[in-house]
Amino acid sequence: MYLSPEIDCGELVAERSFRPPEDGSAMDNEFDPWMRASLLVEVLQRLVTEGHLAGRPQPQTNELPYYVIHPVLKHLTILQTGSGEQAP
């Protein structure tokens, strides 16, 4: 995402979906950093090859931006997607 004066409002230069890991306990220390690094490598390779990054506007929504996921929500998500357990 390109920077803009407002938080989380710059143009997108890339986005990618990932399947959640089978082992949800590795989310913070392994999977999340790997996702970020993987996309960053793709973006940098494109920048080297093309010499620029074409941005596109972010989709407009009425939702407020979330900067950091709440720890309880993150834990519930990990329980549901990673280990097969159901969150309460």
PDB file of N, CA and C in Angstrom:
ATOM      1  N   MET A   1       0.840  -1.154   0.000  1.00  0.00           N
ATOM      2  CA  MET A   1       0.000   0.000   0.000  1.00  0.00           C
ATOM      3  C   MET A   1       0.896   1.230   0.000  1.00  0.00           C
ATOM      4  N   TYR A   2       0.569   2.184  -0.834  1.00  0.00           N
ATOM      5  CA  TYR A   2       1.283   3.459  -0.828  1.00  0.00           C
ATOM      6  C   TYR A   2       0.818   4.293   0.360  1.00  0.00           C
ATOM      7  N   LEU A   3       1.729   5.084   0.891  1.00  0.00           N
ATOM      8  CA  LEU A   3       1.391   5.929   2.033  1.00  0.00           C
ATOM      9  C   LEU A   3       0.535   7.105   1.609  1.00  0.00           C
ATOM     10  N   SER A   4      -0.312   7.522   2.517  1.00  0.00           N
ATOM     11  CA  SER A   4      -1.133   8.711   2.328  1.00  0.00           C
ATOM     12  C   SER A   4      -1.199   9.422   3.678  1.00  0.00           C
ATOM     13  N   PRO A   5      -1.666  10.664   3.698  1.00  0.00           N
ATOM     14  CA  PRO A   5      -1.731  11.384   4.981  1.00  0.00           C
ATOM     15  C   PRO A   5      -2.622  10.688   6.019  1.00  0.00           C
ATOM     16  N   GLU A   6      -3.654   9.984   5.579  1.00  0.00           N
ATOM     17  CA  GLU A   6      -4.550   9.284   6.490  1.00  0.00           C
ATOM     18  C   GLU A   6      -4.037   7.866   6.725  1.00  0.00           C
ATOM     19  N   ILE A   7      -4.382   7.314   7.874  1.00  0.00           N
ATOM     20  CA  ILE A   7      -3.964   5.953   8.208  1.00  0.00           C
ATOM     21  C   ILE A   7      -4.780   4.958   7.395  1.00  0.00           C
ATOM     22  N   ASP A   8      -4.094   4.005   6.782  1.00  0.00           N
ATOM     23  CA  ASP A   8      -4.723   2.899   6.055  1.00  0.00           C
ATOM     24  C   ASP A   8      -5.627   3.367   4.922  1.00  0.00           C
ATOM     25  N   CYS A   9      -5.203   4.397   4.200  1.00  0.00           N
ATOM     26  CA  CYS A   9      -6.013   4.929   3.101  1.00  0.00           C
ATOM     27  C   CYS A   9      -5.253   4.988   1.780  1.00  0.00           C
ATOM     28  N   GLY A  10      -3.998   4.573   1.758  1.00  0.00           N
ATOM     29  CA  GLY A  10      -3.216   4.638   0.534  1.00  0.00           C
ATOM     30  C   GLY A  10      -3.663   3.613  -0.490  1.00  0.00           C
ATOM     31  N   GLU A  11      -3.149   3.751  -1.704  1.00  0.00           N
ATOM     32  CA  GLU A  11      -3.494   2.803  -2.766  1.00  0.00           C
ATOM     33  C   GLU A  11      -2.863   1.442  -2.496  1.00  0.00           C
ATOM     34  N   LEU A  12      -3.552   0.392  -2.908  1.00  0.00           N
ATOM     35  CA  LEU A  12      -3.035  -0.969  -2.788  1.00  0.00           C
ATOM     36  C   LEU A  12      -2.083  -1.252  -3.936  1.00  0.00           C
ATOM     37  N   VAL A  13      -0.956  -1.848  -3.639  1.00  0.00           N
ATOM     38  CA  VAL A  13      -0.038  -2.267  -4.694  1.00  0.00           C
ATOM     39  C   VAL A  13      -0.057  -3.782  -4.852  1.00  0.00           C
ATOM     40  N   ALA A  14      -0.618  -4.493  -3.863  1.00  0.00           N
ATOM     41  CA  ALA A  14      -0.723  -5.949  -3.956  1.00  0.00           C
ATOM     42  C   ALA A  14      -1.627  -6.451  -2.843  1.00  0.00           C
ATOM     43  N   GLU A  15      -2.247  -7.570  -3.095  1.00  0.00           N
ATOM     44  CA  GLU A  15      -2.968  -8.293  -2.056  1.00  0.00           C
ATOM     45  C   GLU A  15      -3.010  -9.755  -2.455  1.00  0.00           C
ATOM     46  N   ARG A  16      -3.102 -10.611  -1.475  1.00  0.00           N
ATOM     47  CA  ARG A  16      -3.070 -12.038  -1.741  1.00  0.00           C
ATOM     48  C   ARG A  16      -3.799 -12.764  -0.620  1.00  0.00           C
ATOM     49  N   SER A  17      -4.469 -13.834  -0.939  1.00  0.00           N
ATOM     50  CA  SER A  17      -5.141 -14.662   0.066  1.00  0.00           C
ATOM     51  C   SER A  17      -4.272 -15.865   0.386  1.00  0.00           C
ATOM     52  N   PHE A  18      -4.326 -16.298   1.619  1.00  0.00           N
ATOM     53  CA  PHE A  18      -3.584 -17.469   2.075  1.00  0.00           C
ATOM     54  C   PHE A  18      -4.542 -18.393   2.809  1.00  0.00           C
ATOM     55  N   ARG A  19      -4.320 -19.686   2.680  1.00  0.00           N
ATOM     56  CA  ARG A  19      -5.083 -20.647   3.472  1.00  0.00           C
ATOM     57  C   ARG A  19      -4.512 -20.651   4.885  1.00  0.00           C
ATOM     58  N   PRO A  20      -5.374 -20.782   5.886  1.00  0.00           N
ATOM     59  CA  PRO A  20      -4.857 -20.807   7.256  1.00  0.00           C
ATOM     60  C   PRO A  20      -4.043 -22.074   7.504  1.00  0.00           C
ATOM     61  N   PRO A  21      -3.065 -21.985   8.390  1.00  0.00           N
ATOM     62  CA  PRO A  21      -2.241 -23.161   8.672  1.00  0.00           C
ATOM     63  C   PRO A  21      -3.036 -24.201   9.453  1.00  0.00           C
ATOM     64  N   GLU A  22      -2.629 -25.456   9.328  1.00  0.00           N
ATOM     65  CA  GLU A  22      -3.288 -26.511  10.092  1.00  0.00           C
ATOM     66  C   GLU A  22      -3.016 -26.351  11.576  1.00  0.00           C
ATOM     67  N   ASP A  23      -1.809 -25.914  11.905  1.00  0.00           N
ATOM     68  CA  ASP A  23      -1.424 -25.714  13.300  1.00  0.00           C
ATOM     69  C   ASP A  23      -1.569 -24.236  13.646  1.00  0.00           C
ATOM     70  N   GLY A  24      -2.688 -23.874  14.259  1.00  0.00           N
ATOM     71  CA  GLY A  24      -2.951 -22.484  14.598  1.00  0.00           C
ATOM     72  C   GLY A  24      -1.995 -21.899  15.611  1.00  0.00           C
ATOM     73  N   SER A  25      -1.285 -22.754  16.351  1.00  0.00           N
ATOM     74  CA  SER A  25      -0.357 -22.235  17.356  1.00  0.00           C
ATOM     75  C   SER A  25       0.844 -21.551  16.715  1.00  0.00           C
ATOM     76  N   ALA A  26       1.070 -21.789  15.431  1.00  0.00           N
ATOM     77  CA  ALA A  26       2.210 -21.182  14.733  1.00  0.00           C
ATOM     78  C   ALA A  26       1.836 -19.862  14.061  1.00  0.00           C
ATOM     79  N   MET A  27       0.620 -19.380  14.274  1.00  0.00           N
ATOM     80  CA  MET A  27       0.118 -18.202  13.574  1.00  0.00           C
ATOM     81  C   MET A  27       1.012 -16.983  13.768  1.00  0.00           C
ATOM     82  N   ASP A  28       1.302 -16.623  15.010  1.00  0.00           N
ATOM     83  CA  ASP A  28       2.042 -15.390  15.288  1.00  0.00           C
ATOM     84  C   ASP A  28       3.519 -15.472  14.937  1.00  0.00           C
ATOM     85  N   ASN A  29       4.141 -16.567  15.274  1.00  0.00           N
ATOM     86  CA  ASN A  29       5.595 -16.657  15.148  1.00  0.00           C
ATOM     87  C   ASN A  29       6.090 -17.173  13.814  1.00  0.00           C
ATOM     88  N   GLU A  30       5.247 -17.850  13.075  1.00  0.00           N
ATOM     89  CA  GLU A  30       5.691 -18.417  11.805  1.00  0.00           C
ATOM     90  C   GLU A  30       4.818 -17.990  10.624  1.00  0.00           C
ATOM     91  N   PHE A  31       3.529 -18.251  10.711  1.00  0.00           N
ATOM     92  CA  PHE A  31       2.663 -18.059   9.546  1.00  0.00           C
ATOM     93  C   PHE A  31       2.474 -16.589   9.184  1.00  0.00           C
ATOM     94  N   ASP A  32       2.161 -15.741  10.158  1.00  0.00           N
ATOM     95  CA  ASP A  32       1.950 -14.321   9.872  1.00  0.00           C
ATOM     96  C   ASP A  32       3.204 -13.674   9.280  1.00  0.00           C
ATOM     97  N   PRO A  33       4.384 -13.862   9.888  1.00  0.00           N
ATOM     98  CA  PRO A  33       5.582 -13.279   9.268  1.00  0.00           C
ATOM     99  C   PRO A  33       5.862 -13.850   7.876  1.00  0.00           C
ATOM    100  N   TRP A  34       5.588 -15.143   7.681  1.00  0.00           N
ATOM    101  CA  TRP A  34       5.820 -15.756   6.366  1.00  0.00           C
ATOM    102  C   TRP A  34       4.891 -15.148   5.314  1.00  0.00           C
ATOM    103  N   MET A  35       3.607 -14.936   5.666  1.00  0.00           N
ATOM    104  CA  MET A  35       2.673 -14.324   4.709  1.00  0.00           C
ATOM    105  C   MET A  35       3.154 -12.941   4.297  1.00  0.00           C
ATOM    106  N   ARG A  36       3.526 -12.136   5.279  1.00  0.00           N
ATOM    107  CA  ARG A  36       3.968 -10.771   4.998  1.00  0.00           C
ATOM    108  C   ARG A  36       5.234 -10.770   4.141  1.00  0.00           C
ATOM    109  N   ALA A  37       6.192 -11.622   4.505  1.00  0.00           N
ATOM    110  CA  ALA A  37       7.452 -11.684   3.759  1.00  0.00           C
ATOM    111  C   ALA A  37       7.226 -12.200   2.347  1.00  0.00           C
ATOM    112  N   SER A  38       6.364 -13.193   2.197  1.00  0.00           N
ATOM    113  CA  SER A  38       6.079 -13.762   0.884  1.00  0.00           C
ATOM    114  C   SER A  38       5.515 -12.704  -0.059  1.00  0.00           C
ATOM    115  N   LEU A  39       4.548 -11.935   0.414  1.00  0.00           N
ATOM    116  CA  LEU A  39       3.961 -10.891  -0.424  1.00  0.00           C
ATOM    117  C   LEU A  39       4.960  -9.773  -0.686  1.00  0.00           C
ATOM    118  N   LEU A  40       5.759  -9.423   0.311  1.00  0.00           N
ATOM    119  CA  LEU A  40       6.769  -8.381   0.123  1.00  0.00           C
ATOM    120  C   LEU A  40       7.772  -8.784  -0.953  1.00  0.00           C
ATOM    121  N   VAL A  41       8.209 -10.038  -0.959  1.00  0.00           N
ATOM    122  CA  VAL A  41       9.139 -10.514  -1.988  1.00  0.00           C
ATOM    123  C   VAL A  41       8.501 -10.387  -3.364  1.00  0.00           C
ATOM    124  N   GLU A  42       7.235 -10.782  -3.501  1.00  0.00           N
ATOM    125  CA  GLU A  42       6.550 -10.652  -4.795  1.00  0.00           C
ATOM    126  C   GLU A  42       6.504  -9.198  -5.255  1.00  0.00           C
ATOM    127  N   VAL A  43       6.182  -8.296  -4.334  1.00  0.00           N
ATOM    128  CA  VAL A  43       6.083  -6.876  -4.676  1.00  0.00           C
ATOM    129  C   VAL A  43       7.447  -6.331  -5.081  1.00  0.00           C
ATOM    130  N   LEU A  44       8.486  -6.667  -4.334  1.00  0.00           N
ATOM    131  CA  LEU A  44       9.827  -6.171  -4.664  1.00  0.00           C
ATOM    132  C   LEU A  44      10.321  -6.727  -5.994  1.00  0.00           C
ATOM    133  N   GLN A  45      10.024  -7.999  -6.281  1.00  0.00           N
ATOM    134  CA  GLN A  45      10.408  -8.568  -7.575  1.00  0.00           C
ATOM    135  C   GLN A  45       9.690  -7.845  -8.709  1.00  0.00           C
ATOM    136  N   ARG A  46       8.427  -7.527  -8.508  1.00  0.00           N
ATOM    137  CA  ARG A  46       7.681  -6.784  -9.526  1.00  0.00           C
ATOM    138  C   ARG A  46       8.255  -5.382  -9.704  1.00  0.00           C
ATOM    139  N   LEU A  47       8.650  -4.743  -8.613  1.00  0.00           N
ATOM    140  CA  LEU A  47       9.241  -3.413  -8.686  1.00  0.00           C
ATOM    141  C   LEU A  47      10.550  -3.447  -9.469  1.00  0.00           C
ATOM    142  N   VAL A  48      11.377  -4.447  -9.225  1.00  0.00           N
ATOM    143  CA  VAL A  48      12.651  -4.566  -9.949  1.00  0.00           C
ATOM    144  C   VAL A  48      12.395  -4.828 -11.428  1.00  0.00           C
ATOM    145  N   THR A  49      11.464  -5.711 -11.730  1.00  0.00           N
ATOM    146  CA  THR A  49      11.172  -6.073 -13.114  1.00  0.00           C
ATOM    147  C   THR A  49      10.511  -4.934 -13.888  1.00  0.00           C
ATOM    148  N   GLU A  50       9.515  -4.295 -13.282  1.00  0.00           N
ATOM    149  CA  GLU A  50       8.721  -3.286 -13.989  1.00  0.00           C
ATOM    150  C   GLU A  50       9.197  -1.856 -13.746  1.00  0.00           C
ATOM    151  N   GLY A  51       9.978  -1.652 -12.693  1.00  0.00           N
ATOM    152  CA  GLY A  51      10.493  -0.321 -12.400  1.00  0.00           C
ATOM    153  C   GLY A  51       9.530   0.593 -11.665  1.00  0.00           C
ATOM    154  N   HIS A  52       8.309   0.135 -11.435  1.00  0.00           N
ATOM    155  CA  HIS A  52       7.325   0.919 -10.686  1.00  0.00           C
ATOM    156  C   HIS A  52       6.239  -0.025 -10.178  1.00  0.00           C
ATOM    157  N   LEU A  53       5.427   0.480  -9.272  1.00  0.00           N
ATOM    158  CA  LEU A  53       4.301  -0.294  -8.761  1.00  0.00           C
ATOM    159  C   LEU A  53       3.023   0.491  -9.012  1.00  0.00           C
ATOM    160  N   ALA A  54       2.172  -0.052  -9.835  1.00  0.00           N
ATOM    161  CA  ALA A  54       0.886   0.598 -10.091  1.00  0.00           C
ATOM    162  C   ALA A  54      -0.039   0.316  -8.912  1.00  0.00           C
ATOM    163  N   GLY A  55      -0.566   1.364  -8.327  1.00  0.00           N
ATOM    164  CA  GLY A  55      -1.497   1.211  -7.220  1.00  0.00           C
ATOM    165  C   GLY A  55      -2.928   1.298  -7.700  1.00  0.00           C
ATOM    166  N   ARG A  56      -3.831   0.840  -6.864  1.00  0.00           N
ATOM    167  CA  ARG A  56      -5.258   0.978  -7.151  1.00  0.00           C
ATOM    168  C   ARG A  56      -5.952   1.359  -5.849  1.00  0.00           C
ATOM    169  N   PRO A  57      -7.029   2.109  -5.950  1.00  0.00           N
ATOM    170  CA  PRO A  57      -7.725   2.544  -4.735  1.00  0.00           C
ATOM    171  C   PRO A  57      -8.230   1.358  -3.921  1.00  0.00           C
ATOM    172  N   GLN A  58      -8.237   1.529  -2.622  1.00  0.00           N
ATOM    173  CA  GLN A  58      -8.813   0.514  -1.755  1.00  0.00           C
ATOM    174  C   GLN A  58     -10.324   0.496  -1.936  1.00  0.00           C
ATOM    175  N   PRO A  59     -10.948  -0.672  -1.772  1.00  0.00           N
ATOM    176  CA  PRO A  59     -12.408  -0.725  -1.846  1.00  0.00           C
ATOM    177  C   PRO A  59     -13.020   0.188  -0.783  1.00  0.00           C
ATOM    178  N   GLN A  60     -14.066   0.882  -1.144  1.00  0.00           N
ATOM    179  CA  GLN A  60     -14.746   1.772  -0.202  1.00  0.00           C
ATOM    180  C   GLN A  60     -15.748   0.977   0.628  1.00  0.00           C
ATOM    181  N   THR A  61     -15.680   1.141   1.934  1.00  0.00           N
ATOM    182  CA  THR A  61     -16.636   0.501   2.838  1.00  0.00           C
ATOM    183  C   THR A  61     -17.084   1.519   3.874  1.00  0.00           C
ATOM    184  N   ASN A  62     -18.136   1.178   4.570  1.00  0.00           N
ATOM    185  CA  ASN A  62     -18.612   2.013   5.671  1.00  0.00           C
ATOM    186  C   ASN A  62     -18.026   1.568   7.000  1.00  0.00           C
ATOM    187  N   GLU A  63     -17.162   0.558   6.961  1.00  0.00           N
ATOM    188  CA  GLU A  63     -16.581   0.027   8.186  1.00  0.00           C
ATOM    189  C   GLU A  63     -15.392   0.868   8.624  1.00  0.00           C
ATOM    190  N   LEU A  64     -15.192   0.914   9.932  1.00  0.00           N
ATOM    191  CA  LEU A  64     -14.022   1.595  10.473  1.00  0.00           C
ATOM    192  C   LEU A  64     -12.801   0.705  10.294  1.00  0.00           C
ATOM    193  N   PRO A  65     -11.627   1.283  10.062  1.00  0.00           N
ATOM    194  CA  PRO A  65     -10.420   0.463   9.925  1.00  0.00           C
ATOM    195  C   PRO A  65     -10.002  -0.139  11.264  1.00  0.00           C
ATOM    196  N   TYR A  66      -9.426  -1.321  11.198  1.00  0.00           N
ATOM    197  CA  TYR A  66      -8.878  -1.986  12.379  1.00  0.00           C
ATOM    198  C   TYR A  66      -7.380  -2.082  12.182  1.00  0.00           C
ATOM    199  N   TYR A  67      -6.645  -1.572  13.145  1.00  0.00           N
ATOM    200  CA  TYR A  67      -5.198  -1.519  13.003  1.00  0.00           C
ATOM    201  C   TYR A  67      -4.513  -2.731  13.620  1.00  0.00           C
ATOM    202  N   VAL A  68      -5.065  -3.245  14.708  1.00  0.00           N
ATOM    203  CA  VAL A  68      -4.509  -4.422  15.374  1.00  0.00           C
ATOM    204  C   VAL A  68      -5.690  -5.265  15.831  1.00  0.00           C
ATOM    205  N   ILE A  69      -5.617  -6.552  15.573  1.00  0.00           N
ATOM    206  CA  ILE A  69      -6.712  -7.416  15.996  1.00  0.00           C
ATOM    207  C   ILE A  69      -6.682  -7.564  17.517  1.00  0.00           C
ATOM    208  N   HIS A  70      -7.850  -7.565  18.122  1.00  0.00           N
ATOM    209  CA  HIS A  70      -7.943  -7.744  19.566  1.00  0.00           C
ATOM    210  C   HIS A  70      -7.461  -9.154  19.907  1.00  0.00           C
ATOM    211  N   PRO A  71      -6.664  -9.308  20.975  1.00  0.00           N
ATOM    212  CA  PRO A  71      -6.113 -10.629  21.317  1.00  0.00           C
ATOM    213  C   PRO A  71      -7.168 -11.713  21.495  1.00  0.00           C
ATOM    214  N   VAL A  72      -8.323 -11.385  22.056  1.00  0.00           N
ATOM    215  CA  VAL A  72      -9.369 -12.396  22.240  1.00  0.00           C
ATOM    216  C   VAL A  72      -9.916 -12.844  20.886  1.00  0.00           C
ATOM    217  N   LEU A  73     -10.163 -11.900  19.978  1.00  0.00           N
ATOM    218  CA  LEU A  73     -10.647 -12.269  18.644  1.00  0.00           C
ATOM    219  C   LEU A  73      -9.620 -13.112  17.909  1.00  0.00           C
ATOM    220  N   LYS A  74      -8.359 -12.755  18.049  1.00  0.00           N
ATOM    221  CA  LYS A  74      -7.299 -13.525  17.391  1.00  0.00           C
ATOM    222  C   LYS A  74      -7.265 -14.945  17.942  1.00  0.00           C
ATOM    223  N   HIS A  75      -7.367 -15.083  19.253  1.00  0.00           N
ATOM    224  CA  HIS A  75      -7.341 -16.401  19.881  1.00  0.00           C
ATOM    225  C   HIS A  75      -8.519 -17.249  19.406  1.00  0.00           C
ATOM    226  N   LEU A  76      -9.716 -16.655  19.360  1.00  0.00           N
ATOM    227  CA  LEU A  76     -10.891 -17.394  18.899  1.00  0.00           C
ATOM    228  C   LEU A  76     -10.744 -17.824  17.445  1.00  0.00           C
ATOM    229  N   THR A  77     -10.180 -16.964  16.624  1.00  0.00           N
ATOM    230  CA  THR A  77      -9.959 -17.298  15.215  1.00  0.00           C
ATOM    231  C   THR A  77      -8.983 -18.449  15.084  1.00  0.00           C
ATOM    232  N   ILE A  78      -7.903 -18.403  15.851  1.00  0.00           N
ATOM    233  CA  ILE A  78      -6.914 -19.484  15.808  1.00  0.00           C
ATOM    234  C   ILE A  78      -7.551 -20.794  16.239  1.00  0.00           C
ATOM    235  N   LEU A  79      -8.363 -20.757  17.284  1.00  0.00           N
ATOM    236  CA  LEU A  79      -9.030 -21.980  17.734  1.00  0.00           C
ATOM    237  C   LEU A  79      -9.930 -22.557  16.650  1.00  0.00           C
ATOM    238  N   GLN A  80     -10.642 -21.694  15.940  1.00  0.00           N
ATOM    239  CA  GLN A  80     -11.585 -22.171  14.926  1.00  0.00           C
ATOM    240  C   GLN A  80     -10.895 -22.633  13.650  1.00  0.00           C
ATOM    241  N   THR A  81      -9.831 -21.976  13.240  1.00  0.00           N
ATOM    242  CA  THR A  81      -9.234 -22.307  11.948  1.00  0.00           C
ATOM    243  C   THR A  81      -8.020 -23.202  12.051  1.00  0.00           C
ATOM    244  N   GLY A  82      -7.318 -23.144  13.164  1.00  0.00           N
ATOM    245  CA  GLY A  82      -6.056 -23.858  13.237  1.00  0.00           C
ATOM    246  C   GLY A  82      -6.143 -25.252  13.790  1.00  0.00           C
ATOM    247  N   SER A  83      -6.817 -25.424  14.912  1.00  0.00           N
ATOM    248  CA  SER A  83      -6.762 -26.717  15.581  1.00  0.00           C
ATOM    249  C   SER A  83      -8.027 -27.541  15.407  1.00  0.00           C
ATOM    250  N   GLY A  84      -9.031 -26.975  14.757  1.00  0.00           N
ATOM    251  CA  GLY A  84     -10.271 -27.705  14.571  1.00  0.00           C
ATOM    252  C   GLY A  84     -11.209 -27.605  15.756  1.00  0.00           C
ATOM    253  N   GLU A  85     -10.760 -26.986  16.852  1.00  0.00           N
ATOM    254  CA  GLU A  85     -11.621 -26.806  18.008  1.00  0.00           C
ATOM    255  C   GLU A  85     -12.623 -25.698  17.724  1.00  0.00           C
ATOM    256  N   GLN A  86     -13.737 -25.761  18.380  1.00  0.00           N
ATOM    257  CA  GLN A  86     -14.745 -24.724  18.236  1.00  0.00           C
ATOM    258  C   GLN A  86     -14.625 -23.741  19.387  1.00  0.00           C
ATOM    259  N   ALA A  87     -14.613 -22.468  19.066  1.00  0.00           N
ATOM    260  CA  ALA A  87     -14.574 -21.434  20.095  1.00  0.00           C
ATOM    261  C   ALA A  87     -15.943 -21.332  20.744  1.00  0.00           C
ATOM    262  N   PRO A  88     -15.989 -20.909  22.013  1.00  0.00           N
ATOM    263  CA  PRO A  88     -17.290 -20.786  22.701  1.00  0.00           C
ATOM    264  C   PRO A  88     -18.166 -19.741  22.052  1.00  0.00           C
TER     265      PRO A  88
END
